[in-house]
C-alpha atoms as a PDB file:
ATOM      1  CA  MET A   1     102.924 112.158  77.048  1.00  0.00           C
ATOM      2  CA  PRO A   2     105.755 109.809  78.148  1.00  0.00           C
ATOM      3  CA  VAL A   3     106.478 109.737  81.865  1.00  0.00           C
ATOM      4  CA  VAL A   4     109.822 111.564  81.970  1.00  0.00           C
ATOM      5  CA  PRO A   5     108.718 114.658  80.007  1.00  0.00           C
ATOM      6  CA  LEU A   6     105.450 114.716  81.963  1.00  0.00           C
ATOM      7  CA  VAL A   7     107.232 114.662  85.314  1.00  0.00           C
ATOM      8  CA  ARG A   8     109.828 117.173  84.130  1.00  0.00           C
ATOM      9  CA  GLU A   9     107.087 119.591  83.049  1.00  0.00           C
ATOM     10  CA  SER A  10     105.125 119.039  86.270  1.00  0.00           C
ATOM     11  CA  ALA A  11     108.236 119.510  88.424  1.00  0.00           C
ATOM     12  CA  SER A  12     108.872 122.860  86.758  1.00  0.00           C
ATOM     13  CA  ALA A  13     105.289 123.995  87.316  1.00  0.00           C
ATOM     14  CA  LEU A  14     105.167 122.838  90.954  1.00  0.00           C
ATOM     15  CA  SER A  15     108.506 124.473  91.724  1.00  0.00           C
ATOM     16  CA  SER A  16     106.861 127.873  91.351  1.00  0.00           C
ATOM     17  CA  PHE A  17     105.082 127.044  94.645  1.00  0.00           C
ATOM     18  CA  ALA A  18     108.251 125.917  96.439  1.00  0.00           C
ATOM     19  CA  ASP A  19     108.007 128.820  98.924  1.00  0.00           C
ATOM     20  CA  ASP A  20     104.259 128.420  99.433  1.00  0.00           C
ATOM     21  CA  PRO A  21     103.502 125.113 101.255  1.00  0.00           C
ATOM     22  CA  LYS A  22      99.715 125.495 101.017  1.00  0.00           C
ATOM     23  CA  GLY A  23      99.887 126.438  97.357  1.00  0.00           C
ATOM     24  CA  LEU A  24     102.195 123.495  96.660  1.00  0.00           C
ATOM     25  CA  LEU A  25      99.838 121.035  98.338  1.00  0.00           C
ATOM     26  CA  THR A  26      96.827 122.423  96.449  1.00  0.00           C
ATOM     27  CA  SER A  27      98.689 122.241  93.130  1.00  0.00           C
ATOM     28  CA  CYS A  28      99.829 118.667  93.808  1.00  0.00           C
ATOM     29  CA  ARG A  29      96.252 117.629  94.582  1.00  0.00           C
ATOM     30  CA  ARG A  30      94.995 119.193  91.359  1.00  0.00           C
ATOM     31  CA  LEU A  31      97.712 117.451  89.389  1.00  0.00           C
ATOM     32  CA  LEU A  32      96.725 114.060  90.787  1.00  0.00           C
ATOM     33  CA  ASP A  33      93.060 114.813  90.181  1.00  0.00           C
ATOM     34  CA  ARG A  34      93.921 114.970  86.475  1.00  0.00           C
ATOM     35  CA  ARG A  35      96.448 112.116  86.327  1.00  0.00           C
ATOM     36  CA  SER A  36      95.627 109.416  88.855  1.00  0.00           C
ATOM     37  CA  ASP A  37      97.121 106.851  86.471  1.00  0.00           C
ATOM     38  CA  CYS A  38     100.750 107.984  86.858  1.00  0.00           C
ATOM     39  CA  ALA A  39     102.633 106.919  89.996  1.00  0.00           C
ATOM     40  CA  PRO A  40     105.727 109.042  89.214  1.00  0.00           C
ATOM     41  CA  LEU A  41     103.568 112.149  89.678  1.00  0.00           C
ATOM     42  CA  VAL A  42     102.597 110.875  93.139  1.00  0.00           C
ATOM     43  CA  TRP A  43     106.291 110.237  93.796  1.00  0.00           C
ATOM     44  CA  LEU A  44     107.174 113.757  92.673  1.00  0.00           C
ATOM     45  CA  ALA A  45     104.446 115.382  94.768  1.00  0.00           C
ATOM     46  CA  ALA A  46     105.172 113.342  97.901  1.00  0.00           C
ATOM     47  CA  ARG A  47     108.894 113.994  97.735  1.00  0.00           C
ATOM     48  CA  MET A  48     108.450 117.716  97.191  1.00  0.00           C
ATOM     49  CA  LEU A  49     105.944 118.024 100.036  1.00  0.00           C
ATOM     50  CA  THR A  50     108.240 116.279 102.508  1.00  0.00           C
ATOM     51  CA  ALA A  51     111.486 117.966 101.437  1.00  0.00           C
ATOM     52  CA  MET A  52     113.210 120.839 103.205  1.00  0.00           C
ATOM     53  CA  ASP A  53     113.892 122.356  99.776  1.00  0.00           C
ATOM     54  CA  PRO A  54     111.040 121.360  97.398  1.00  0.00           C
ATOM     55  CA  ARG A  55     112.637 123.013  94.383  1.00  0.00           C
ATOM     56  CA  SER A  56     115.882 121.068  94.736  1.00  0.00           C
ATOM     57  CA  GLU A  57     113.935 117.884  95.425  1.00  0.00           C
ATOM     58  CA  ALA A  58     111.987 118.346  92.198  1.00  0.00           C
ATOM     59  CA  ARG A  59     115.269 118.445  90.291  1.00  0.00           C
ATOM     60  CA  ARG A  60     116.427 115.289  92.082  1.00  0.00           C
ATOM     61  CA  VAL A  61     113.220 113.466  91.130  1.00  0.00           C
ATOM     62  CA  VAL A  62     113.691 114.336  87.469  1.00  0.00           C
ATOM     63  CA  GLY A  63     117.328 113.237  87.697  1.00  0.00           C
ATOM     64  CA  ASP A  64     116.309 109.924  89.277  1.00  0.00           C
ATOM     65  CA  LEU A  65     113.919 109.286  86.398  1.00  0.00           C
ATOM     66  CA  GLU A  66     116.489 110.189  83.781  1.00  0.00           C
ATOM     67  CA  ASP A  67     119.084 107.919  85.439  1.00  0.00           C
ATOM     68  CA  ASP A  68     116.647 105.024  85.895  1.00  0.00           C
ATOM     69  CA  ALA A  69     118.594 101.744  86.081  1.00  0.00           C
ATOM     70  CA  THR A  70     115.580  99.616  85.151  1.00  0.00           C
ATOM     71  CA  PRO A  71     116.527  99.201  81.459  1.00  0.00           C
ATOM     72  CA  GLN A  72     119.896  97.759  82.472  1.00  0.00           C
ATOM     73  CA  VAL A  73     118.262  95.465  85.040  1.00  0.00           C
ATOM     74  CA  LEU A  74     115.944  94.216  82.300  1.00  0.00           C
ATOM     75  CA  ALA A  75     118.853  93.675  79.917  1.00  0.00           C
ATOM     76  CA  ASN A  76     120.777  91.738  82.579  1.00  0.00           C
ATOM     77  CA  GLY A  77     117.755  89.579  83.311  1.00  0.00           C
ATOM     78  CA  MET A  78     117.212  88.844  79.648  1.00  0.00           C
ATOM     79  CA  ASP A  79     120.820  87.699  79.346  1.00  0.00           C
ATOM     80  CA  ALA A  80     119.757  84.495  81.078  1.00  0.00           C
ATOM     81  CA  LEU A  81     117.417  83.583  78.211  1.00  0.00           C
ATOM     82  CA  PRO A  82     118.885  81.025  75.807  1.00  0.00           C
ATOM     83  CA  ALA A  83     119.514  82.104  72.222  1.00  0.00           C
ATOM     84  CA  GLY A  84     116.407  81.854  70.077  1.00  0.00           C
ATOM     85  CA  SER A  85     113.981  82.262  72.992  1.00  0.00           C
ATOM     86  CA  SER A  86     110.535  83.651  72.220  1.00  0.00           C
ATOM     87  CA  VAL A  87     109.389  86.809  74.023  1.00  0.00           C
ATOM     88  CA  LEU A  88     105.908  88.287  73.984  1.00  0.00           C
ATOM     89  CA  ALA A  89     105.790  91.987  74.872  1.00  0.00           C
ATOM     90  CA  VAL A  90     102.441  93.593  75.708  1.00  0.00           C
ATOM     91  CA  GLY A  91     102.146  97.315  75.194  1.00  0.00           C
ATOM     92  CA  ASP A  92     104.908  99.742  74.310  1.00  0.00           C
ATOM     93  CA  LEU A  93     108.224  98.993  76.015  1.00  0.00           C
ATOM     94  CA  GLY A  94     109.266 102.576  75.278  1.00  0.00           C
ATOM     95  CA  ALA A  95     112.603 103.495  76.853  1.00  0.00           C
ATOM     96  CA  TYR A  96     113.090  99.917  78.039  1.00  0.00           C
ATOM     97  CA  ALA A  97     113.224  98.540  74.508  1.00  0.00           C
ATOM     98  CA  ALA A  98     116.669  99.972  73.776  1.00  0.00           C
ATOM     99  CA  ALA A  99     118.135  97.814  76.540  1.00  0.00           C
ATOM    100  CA  LEU A 100     117.264  94.728  74.498  1.00  0.00           C
ATOM    101  CA  ASP A 101     119.136  95.736  71.357  1.00  0.00           C
ATOM    102  CA  ASP A 102     121.987  93.384  72.281  1.00  0.00           C
ATOM    103  CA  ARG A 103     119.681  90.371  71.899  1.00  0.00           C
ATOM    104  CA  PRO A 104     118.816  90.266  68.185  1.00  0.00           C
ATOM    105  CA  ASP A 105     118.635  86.489  68.505  1.00  0.00           C
ATOM    106  CA  LEU A 106     115.363  86.665  70.453  1.00  0.00           C
ATOM    107  CA  ARG A 107     112.094  86.025  68.626  1.00  0.00           C
ATOM    108  CA  TRP A 108     109.470  88.675  69.369  1.00  0.00           C
ATOM    109  CA  ILE A 109     105.824  87.635  69.311  1.00  0.00           C
ATOM    110  CA  GLU A 110     102.826  89.873  68.692  1.00  0.00           C
ATOM    111  CA  PRO A 111     100.125  89.635  71.405  1.00  0.00           C
ATOM    112  CA  ASP A 112      97.410  88.898  68.837  1.00  0.00           C
ATOM    113  CA  ASP A 113      99.313  85.876  67.498  1.00  0.00           C
ATOM    114  CA  LEU A 114      97.784  83.469  70.002  1.00  0.00           C
ATOM    115  CA  GLU A 115      99.171  80.318  68.388  1.00  0.00           C
ATOM    116  CA  ALA A 116     102.713  81.667  68.645  1.00  0.00           C
ATOM    117  CA  ALA A 117     102.041  83.173  72.073  1.00  0.00           C
ATOM    118  CA  ALA A 118     101.441  79.716  73.431  1.00  0.00           C
ATOM    119  CA  SER A 119     105.107  78.945  72.773  1.00  0.00           C
ATOM    120  CA  ALA A 120     106.502  82.097  74.407  1.00  0.00           C
ATOM    121  CA  ASP A 121     109.344  81.590  76.872  1.00  0.00           C
ATOM    122  CA  LEU A 122     108.732  84.934  78.595  1.00  0.00           C
ATOM    123  CA  VAL A 123     106.021  87.594  78.689  1.00  0.00           C
ATOM    124  CA  LEU A 124     106.963  91.236  79.310  1.00  0.00           C
ATOM    125  CA  MET A 125     104.434  93.802  80.525  1.00  0.00           C
ATOM    126  CA  THR A 126     104.803  97.403  81.653  1.00  0.00           C
ATOM    127  CA  SER A 127     103.096  99.608  84.222  1.00  0.00           C
ATOM    128  CA  ASP A 128     103.446 103.255  85.218  1.00  0.00           C
ATOM    129  CA  CYS A 129     101.443 102.733  88.387  1.00  0.00           C
ATOM    130  CA  ALA A 130     101.819  99.709  90.663  1.00  0.00           C
ATOM    131  CA  GLY A 131     101.407  98.762  94.312  1.00  0.00           C
ATOM    132  CA  PRO A 132     102.186  95.682  96.416  1.00  0.00           C
ATOM    133  CA  SER A 133      99.608  93.438  94.721  1.00  0.00           C
ATOM    134  CA  LYS A 134      97.969  95.391  91.886  1.00  0.00           C
ATOM    135  CA  ALA A 135      99.076  97.439  88.883  1.00  0.00           C
ATOM    136  CA  LEU A 136      97.510  99.551  86.170  1.00  0.00           C
ATOM    137  CA  VAL A 137      98.220  98.099  82.743  1.00  0.00           C
ATOM    138  CA  VAL A 138      96.907  98.475  79.204  1.00  0.00           C
ATOM    139  CA  ALA A 139      93.645  96.545  79.047  1.00  0.00           C
ATOM    140  CA  GLU A 140      94.845  93.815  76.672  1.00  0.00           C
ATOM    141  CA  THR A 141      97.488  92.841  79.230  1.00  0.00           C
ATOM    142  CA  VAL A 142      94.964  91.057  81.444  1.00  0.00           C
ATOM    143  CA  SER A 143      93.914  88.511  78.811  1.00  0.00           C
ATOM    144  CA  VAL A 144      97.549  87.888  77.888  1.00  0.00           C
ATOM    145  CA  ALA A 145      98.384  87.376  81.570  1.00  0.00           C
ATOM    146  CA  GLU A 146      95.589  84.833  81.881  1.00  0.00           C
ATOM    147  CA  MET A 147      96.884  82.994  78.825  1.00  0.00           C
ATOM    148  CA  ALA A 148     100.446  83.010  80.179  1.00  0.00           C
ATOM    149  CA  ARG A 149      99.243  81.626  83.496  1.00  0.00           C
ATOM    150  CA  GLY A 150      97.483  78.798  81.673  1.00  0.00           C
ATOM    151  CA  PHE A 151     100.716  77.880  79.876  1.00  0.00           C
ATOM    152  CA  ARG A 152     102.838  78.493  83.015  1.00  0.00           C
ATOM    153  CA  THR A 153     104.884  81.080  81.145  1.00  0.00           C
ATOM    154  CA  PRO A 154     106.946  83.450  83.324  1.00  0.00           C
ATOM    155  CA  VAL A 155     105.601  87.008  83.361  1.00  0.00           C
ATOM    156  CA  TRP A 156     107.777  90.024  84.153  1.00  0.00           C
ATOM    157  CA  LEU A 157     106.246  93.399  84.888  1.00  0.00           C
ATOM    158  CA  VAL A 158     108.627  96.227  83.984  1.00  0.00           C
ATOM    159  CA  SER A 159     108.009  99.114  86.366  1.00  0.00           C
ATOM    160  CA  GLY A 160     110.809 101.648  86.569  1.00  0.00           C
ATOM    161  CA  ALA A 161     111.787 104.462  88.908  1.00  0.00           C
ATOM    162  CA  GLY A 162     108.894 106.082  90.753  1.00  0.00           C
ATOM    163  CA  ARG A 163     106.303 103.738  89.318  1.00  0.00           C
ATOM    164  CA  ILE A 164     105.858 101.473  92.345  1.00  0.00           C
ATOM    165  CA  LEU A 165     104.050 102.878  95.376  1.00  0.00           C
ATOM    166  CA  PRO A 166     104.000 101.602  98.963  1.00  0.00           C
ATOM    167  CA  GLY A 167     100.749  99.962  99.983  1.00  0.00           C
ATOM    168  CA  ARG A 168      99.110 102.906 101.700  1.00  0.00           C
ATOM    169  CA  MET A 169      99.822 105.330  98.864  1.00  0.00           C
ATOM    170  CA  TRP A 170      98.589 102.798  96.300  1.00  0.00           C
ATOM    171  CA  ASP A 171      95.348 102.332  98.247  1.00  0.00           C
ATOM    172  CA  LEU A 172      94.741 106.077  98.448  1.00  0.00           C
ATOM    173  CA  LEU A 173      95.505 106.607  94.770  1.00  0.00           C
ATOM    174  CA  SER A 174      93.588 103.585  93.493  1.00  0.00           C
ATOM    175  CA  ALA A 175      90.450 104.862  95.251  1.00  0.00           C
ATOM    176  CA  ARG A 176      90.470 107.495  92.479  1.00  0.00           C
ATOM    177  CA  HIS A 177      90.662 104.993  89.636  1.00  0.00           C
ATOM    178  CA  ARG A 178      87.132 105.532  88.315  1.00  0.00           C
ATOM    179  CA  PRO A 179      86.235 103.898  85.002  1.00  0.00           C
ATOM    180  CA  ASP A 180      84.733 107.185  83.745  1.00  0.00           C
ATOM    181  CA  ASP A 181      88.009 109.052  84.323  1.00  0.00           C
ATOM    182  CA  PRO A 182      89.508 109.952  80.883  1.00  0.00           C
ATOM    183  CA  ALA A 183      92.992 109.107  82.198  1.00  0.00           C
ATOM    184  CA  MET A 184      91.838 105.535  82.813  1.00  0.00           C
ATOM    185  CA  ARG A 185      90.635 104.812  79.287  1.00  0.00           C
ATOM    186  CA  GLY A 186      92.249 101.697  77.897  1.00  0.00           C
ATOM    187  CA  LEU A 187      93.648 100.701  81.304  1.00  0.00           C
ATOM    188  CA  ALA A 188      92.816  97.805  83.621  1.00  0.00           C
ATOM    189  CA  VAL A 189      93.936  96.538  87.022  1.00  0.00           C
ATOM    190  CA  LEU A 190      96.196  93.487  87.001  1.00  0.00           C
ATOM    191  CA  ASP A 191      96.441  91.133  89.985  1.00  0.00           C
ATOM    192  CA  LEU A 192     100.196  90.835  90.487  1.00  0.00           C
ATOM    193  CA  ASP A 193     100.068  87.987  92.994  1.00  0.00           C
ATOM    194  CA  ARG A 194      98.106  85.883  90.547  1.00  0.00           C
ATOM    195  CA  PHE A 195      99.890  86.637  87.296  1.00  0.00           C
ATOM    196  CA  VAL A 196     103.321  88.225  87.735  1.00  0.00           C
ATOM    197  CA  THR A 197     106.459  86.176  88.370  1.00  0.00           C
ATOM    198  CA  ARG A 198     108.888  89.082  88.834  1.00  0.00           C
ATOM    199  CA  VAL A 199     108.836  92.868  88.775  1.00  0.00           C
ATOM    200  CA  VAL A 200     111.735  94.544  86.971  1.00  0.00           C
ATOM    201  CA  THR A 201     112.772  97.502  89.152  1.00  0.00           C
ATOM    202  CA  PRO A 202     115.788  99.824  89.389  1.00  0.00           C
ATOM    203  CA  SER A 203     117.131  97.662  92.220  1.00  0.00           C
ATOM    204  CA  GLY A 204     116.718  94.318  90.485  1.00  0.00           C
ATOM    205  CA  LEU A 205     114.190  91.584  89.774  1.00  0.00           C
ATOM    206  CA  ARG A 206     111.778  91.475  92.725  1.00  0.00           C
ATOM    207  CA  THR A 207     108.535  89.901  93.791  1.00  0.00           C
ATOM    208  CA  PRO A 208     105.662  92.437  93.742  1.00  0.00           C
ATOM    209  CA  ALA A 209     105.674  92.714  97.547  1.00  0.00           C
ATOM    210  CA  GLU A 210     109.445  93.180  97.664  1.00  0.00           C
ATOM    211  CA  ALA A 211     109.259  95.874  95.007  1.00  0.00           C
ATOM    212  CA  ALA A 212     106.642  97.829  96.985  1.00  0.00           C
ATOM    213  CA  ARG A 213     108.646  97.535 100.203  1.00  0.00           C
ATOM    214  CA  ARG A 214     111.626  99.083  98.433  1.00  0.00           C
ATOM    215  CA  SER A 215     109.600 102.043  97.168  1.00  0.00           C
ATOM    216  CA  ASP A 216     111.093 105.368  98.256  1.00  0.00           C
ATOM    217  CA  CYS A 217     107.818 107.257  97.869  1.00  0.00           C
ATOM    218  CA  PRO A 218     106.996 109.040 101.171  1.00  0.00           C
ATOM    219  CA  ILE A 219     103.613 108.386 102.787  1.00  0.00           C
ATOM    220  CA  VAL A 220     101.656 111.657 102.410  1.00  0.00           C
ATOM    221  CA  PRO A 221      97.927 110.994 103.017  1.00  0.00           C
ATOM    222  CA  GLU A 222      97.050 114.696 102.773  1.00  0.00           C
ATOM    223  CA  LEU A 223      97.707 114.486  99.035  1.00  0.00           C
ATOM    224  CA  PHE A 224      94.386 112.650  98.742  1.00  0.00           C
ATOM    225  CA  THR A 225      92.284 114.438 101.356  1.00  0.00           C
ATOM    226  CA  ARG A 226      90.556 117.801 101.421  1.00  0.00           C
END
């Protein structure tokens, strides 16, 4: 399920525990037990648990996702590419793709076209769960990142609202990233410091560390403890 509908559905379910702090915490923990691959769910849970009015906060989280400025930031960044530039996109750009409709002059390369990939001017990747120096990505992204590094091709990681966690929350969540977890199938961990040039965020193009420092996800360790 795409992130926005998933968070919207989860926000509705968690809101039924808005007047029961213990029940809300237990439900948030269970949610993250099932979906440790989705940072926006951590963002939702942490914001609800630290809010004076969890129900209203849940609505604000959904609104923040729906009003995500990341697609426009991506479009603005792509405006700097000269006409006819080649772009390799790994994985499904999803909602971000519509922001690029104004650049029909760009040449899009398939990841399995290695000969063409060598001539790419930019590589785009996406992640729904990132921290200061690591991110979860579709598995094929890692080999493409290695190739891009060899050709010194800029790599942008597109990671929208709620998808970037501060260091401590990333560490606590990533401790649950077990290979045998069904939610982790087809995913791999990407070293951002090694491979990523910029992270596309709602606030602009950032380095990975800058993006994590700007995360508005509260630090709530009890989400991951029993």
